[in-house]
């Protein structure tokens, strides 16, 4: 399942540029996690949002206010 993604990461890592990988928990990047889940739930290859979904707006607001996330 992840073999293609890992192979692409390895290709990018071999390029002639400075590259740094940093792990972050999905709770620390809740907006990206939300969008990834939404993208996985649709069949289209491209979805353009004219405005953020209500759930995403709440996550963006929490991110702006630096609300801490608890890992369960």
N, C-alpha and C. Protein backbone atom coordinates (compact mmCIF):
# COMPACT_ATOMS: atom_id res chain seq x y z
N UNK A 1 0.82 -1.19 0.00
CA UNK A 1 0.00 0.00 0.00
C UNK A 1 0.87 1.26 0.00
N UNK A 2 1.89 1.29 0.84
CA UNK A 2 2.74 2.47 0.94
C UNK A 2 4.01 2.36 0.12
N UNK A 3 4.19 1.26 -0.57
CA UNK A 3 5.44 1.03 -1.31
C UNK A 3 5.69 2.12 -2.35
N UNK A 4 4.66 2.53 -3.06
CA UNK A 4 4.81 3.57 -4.08
C UNK A 4 5.21 4.90 -3.45
N UNK A 5 4.58 5.24 -2.35
CA UNK A 5 4.91 6.50 -1.67
C UNK A 5 6.35 6.48 -1.17
N UNK A 6 6.75 5.38 -0.57
CA UNK A 6 8.12 5.26 -0.06
C UNK A 6 9.12 5.32 -1.20
N UNK A 7 8.81 4.68 -2.33
CA UNK A 7 9.70 4.73 -3.49
C UNK A 7 9.85 6.16 -4.00
N UNK A 8 8.76 6.91 -4.03
CA UNK A 8 8.83 8.31 -4.48
C UNK A 8 9.64 9.17 -3.52
N UNK A 9 9.49 8.92 -2.23
CA UNK A 9 10.27 9.66 -1.24
C UNK A 9 11.75 9.39 -1.46
N UNK A 10 12.11 8.15 -1.72
CA UNK A 10 13.52 7.81 -1.95
C UNK A 10 14.06 8.51 -3.20
N UNK A 11 13.25 8.62 -4.24
CA UNK A 11 13.67 9.33 -5.46
C UNK A 11 13.91 10.80 -5.13
N UNK A 12 12.98 11.43 -4.41
CA UNK A 12 13.15 12.83 -4.02
C UNK A 12 14.39 13.02 -3.16
N UNK A 13 14.65 12.09 -2.26
CA UNK A 13 15.79 12.20 -1.35
C UNK A 13 17.11 12.13 -2.09
N UNK A 14 17.15 11.47 -3.25
CA UNK A 14 18.40 11.35 -4.02
C UNK A 14 18.68 12.58 -4.88
N UNK A 15 17.73 13.46 -5.03
CA UNK A 15 17.92 14.66 -5.85
C UNK A 15 18.98 15.57 -5.22
N UNK A 16 19.50 16.48 -6.03
CA UNK A 16 20.56 17.39 -5.59
C UNK A 16 19.95 18.64 -4.96
N UNK A 17 19.38 18.48 -3.80
CA UNK A 17 18.85 19.60 -3.05
C UNK A 17 18.89 19.27 -1.57
N UNK A 18 18.73 20.28 -0.77
CA UNK A 18 18.70 20.05 0.68
C UNK A 18 17.30 19.61 1.04
N UNK A 19 17.22 18.48 1.68
CA UNK A 19 15.93 17.89 2.00
C UNK A 19 15.95 17.41 3.43
N UNK A 20 14.93 17.76 4.17
CA UNK A 20 14.86 17.35 5.57
C UNK A 20 13.48 16.76 5.83
N UNK A 21 13.45 15.60 6.43
CA UNK A 21 12.19 14.95 6.78
C UNK A 21 11.95 15.14 8.27
N UNK A 22 10.75 15.55 8.61
CA UNK A 22 10.37 15.69 10.02
C UNK A 22 9.05 14.97 10.22
N UNK A 23 9.05 14.12 11.22
CA UNK A 23 7.82 13.40 11.55
C UNK A 23 6.93 14.30 12.39
N UNK A 24 5.65 14.30 12.09
CA UNK A 24 4.69 15.00 12.93
C UNK A 24 3.48 14.09 13.10
N UNK A 25 2.92 14.12 14.27
CA UNK A 25 1.72 13.32 14.53
C UNK A 25 0.54 13.96 13.81
N UNK A 26 -0.41 13.15 13.41
CA UNK A 26 -1.55 13.70 12.68
C UNK A 26 -2.32 14.72 13.52
N UNK A 27 -2.28 14.58 14.85
CA UNK A 27 -2.94 15.57 15.71
C UNK A 27 -2.27 16.93 15.58
N UNK A 28 -1.00 16.93 15.28
CA UNK A 28 -0.27 18.18 15.12
C UNK A 28 -0.45 18.82 13.76
N UNK A 29 -1.07 18.11 12.86
CA UNK A 29 -1.33 18.62 11.51
C UNK A 29 -2.74 18.21 11.12
N UNK A 30 -3.69 18.60 11.96
CA UNK A 30 -5.07 18.14 11.81
C UNK A 30 -5.72 18.60 10.50
N UNK A 31 -5.34 19.76 10.00
CA UNK A 31 -5.92 20.25 8.74
C UNK A 31 -5.52 19.35 7.57
N UNK A 32 -4.24 19.01 7.50
CA UNK A 32 -3.77 18.11 6.44
C UNK A 32 -4.37 16.73 6.60
N UNK A 33 -4.50 16.25 7.85
CA UNK A 33 -5.10 14.95 8.11
C UNK A 33 -6.55 14.93 7.65
N UNK A 34 -7.28 15.99 7.95
CA UNK A 34 -8.68 16.10 7.53
C UNK A 34 -8.80 16.08 6.01
N UNK A 35 -7.97 16.87 5.32
CA UNK A 35 -8.03 16.92 3.86
C UNK A 35 -7.63 15.59 3.23
N UNK A 36 -6.67 14.90 3.82
CA UNK A 36 -6.26 13.59 3.30
C UNK A 36 -7.40 12.59 3.42
N UNK A 37 -8.09 12.62 4.55
CA UNK A 37 -9.24 11.71 4.73
C UNK A 37 -10.36 12.05 3.76
N UNK A 38 -10.61 13.33 3.54
CA UNK A 38 -11.64 13.74 2.59
C UNK A 38 -11.27 13.30 1.18
N UNK A 39 -10.00 13.46 0.83
CA UNK A 39 -9.54 13.06 -0.50
C UNK A 39 -9.64 11.57 -0.73
N UNK A 40 -9.41 10.79 0.31
CA UNK A 40 -9.49 9.34 0.19
C UNK A 40 -10.93 8.87 0.02
N UNK A 41 -11.88 9.71 0.40
CA UNK A 41 -13.28 9.32 0.36
C UNK A 41 -13.98 9.66 -0.96
N UNK A 42 -13.27 10.31 -1.89
CA UNK A 42 -13.89 10.68 -3.17
C UNK A 42 -13.21 9.94 -4.32
N UNK A 43 -13.94 9.79 -5.41
CA UNK A 43 -13.41 9.08 -6.58
C UNK A 43 -12.69 10.01 -7.56
N UNK A 44 -12.93 11.31 -7.47
CA UNK A 44 -12.33 12.25 -8.40
C UNK A 44 -10.83 12.39 -8.13
N UNK A 45 -10.06 12.65 -9.19
CA UNK A 45 -8.62 12.84 -9.02
C UNK A 45 -8.28 14.27 -8.60
N UNK A 46 -9.21 15.20 -8.79
CA UNK A 46 -8.99 16.59 -8.39
C UNK A 46 -10.28 17.16 -7.84
N UNK A 47 -10.20 17.74 -6.67
CA UNK A 47 -11.35 18.40 -6.05
C UNK A 47 -10.91 19.81 -5.68
N UNK A 48 -11.64 20.80 -6.15
CA UNK A 48 -11.33 22.19 -5.83
C UNK A 48 -12.42 22.71 -4.90
N UNK A 49 -12.00 23.18 -3.74
CA UNK A 49 -12.93 23.73 -2.77
C UNK A 49 -12.95 25.25 -2.93
N UNK A 50 -14.13 25.79 -3.17
CA UNK A 50 -14.26 27.25 -3.29
C UNK A 50 -14.11 27.92 -1.92
N UNK A 51 -14.51 27.21 -0.89
CA UNK A 51 -14.38 27.68 0.49
C UNK A 51 -14.15 26.45 1.36
N UNK A 52 -13.49 26.62 2.49
CA UNK A 52 -13.24 25.46 3.34
C UNK A 52 -14.55 24.89 3.89
N UNK A 53 -14.59 23.58 4.04
CA UNK A 53 -15.73 22.93 4.66
C UNK A 53 -15.83 23.39 6.11
N UNK A 54 -17.03 23.31 6.69
CA UNK A 54 -17.23 23.78 8.06
C UNK A 54 -16.27 23.11 9.04
N UNK A 55 -16.09 21.79 8.89
CA UNK A 55 -15.18 21.07 9.79
C UNK A 55 -13.75 21.58 9.65
N UNK A 56 -13.34 21.85 8.41
CA UNK A 56 -11.99 22.36 8.17
C UNK A 56 -11.84 23.77 8.74
N UNK A 57 -12.87 24.58 8.62
CA UNK A 57 -12.82 25.93 9.19
C UNK A 57 -12.57 25.89 10.68
N UNK A 58 -13.23 24.95 11.37
CA UNK A 58 -13.03 24.82 12.82
C UNK A 58 -11.60 24.40 13.13
N UNK A 59 -11.05 23.47 12.33
CA UNK A 59 -9.67 23.03 12.53
C UNK A 59 -8.69 24.17 12.26
N UNK A 60 -8.96 24.96 11.22
CA UNK A 60 -8.10 26.10 10.90
C UNK A 60 -8.12 27.13 12.03
N UNK A 61 -9.32 27.40 12.56
CA UNK A 61 -9.44 28.34 13.68
C UNK A 61 -8.65 27.85 14.89
N UNK A 62 -8.78 26.55 15.20
CA UNK A 62 -8.05 25.98 16.34
C UNK A 62 -6.54 26.07 16.10
N UNK A 63 -6.11 25.88 14.85
CA UNK A 63 -4.69 25.96 14.52
C UNK A 63 -4.18 27.39 14.70
N UNK A 64 -4.97 28.35 14.24
CA UNK A 64 -4.59 29.77 14.37
C UNK A 64 -4.46 30.15 15.84
N UNK A 65 -5.39 29.64 16.68
CA UNK A 65 -5.38 29.96 18.11
C UNK A 65 -4.40 29.08 18.89
N UNK A 66 -3.70 28.19 18.17
CA UNK A 66 -2.71 27.28 18.77
C UNK A 66 -3.30 26.46 19.91
N UNK A 67 -4.52 25.94 19.67
CA UNK A 67 -5.17 25.07 20.64
C UNK A 67 -4.39 23.76 20.70
N UNK A 68 -3.97 23.34 21.89
CA UNK A 68 -3.20 22.09 21.99
C UNK A 68 -4.07 20.87 21.67
N UNK A 69 -3.44 19.84 21.10
CA UNK A 69 -4.13 18.60 20.75
C UNK A 69 -3.65 17.51 21.69
N UNK A 70 -4.59 16.74 22.19
CA UNK A 70 -4.23 15.61 23.05
C UNK A 70 -4.24 14.34 22.23
N UNK A 71 -3.19 13.55 22.38
CA UNK A 71 -3.11 12.26 21.70
C UNK A 71 -3.77 11.22 22.58
N UNK A 72 -4.75 10.53 22.01
CA UNK A 72 -5.48 9.50 22.76
C UNK A 72 -4.83 8.16 22.61
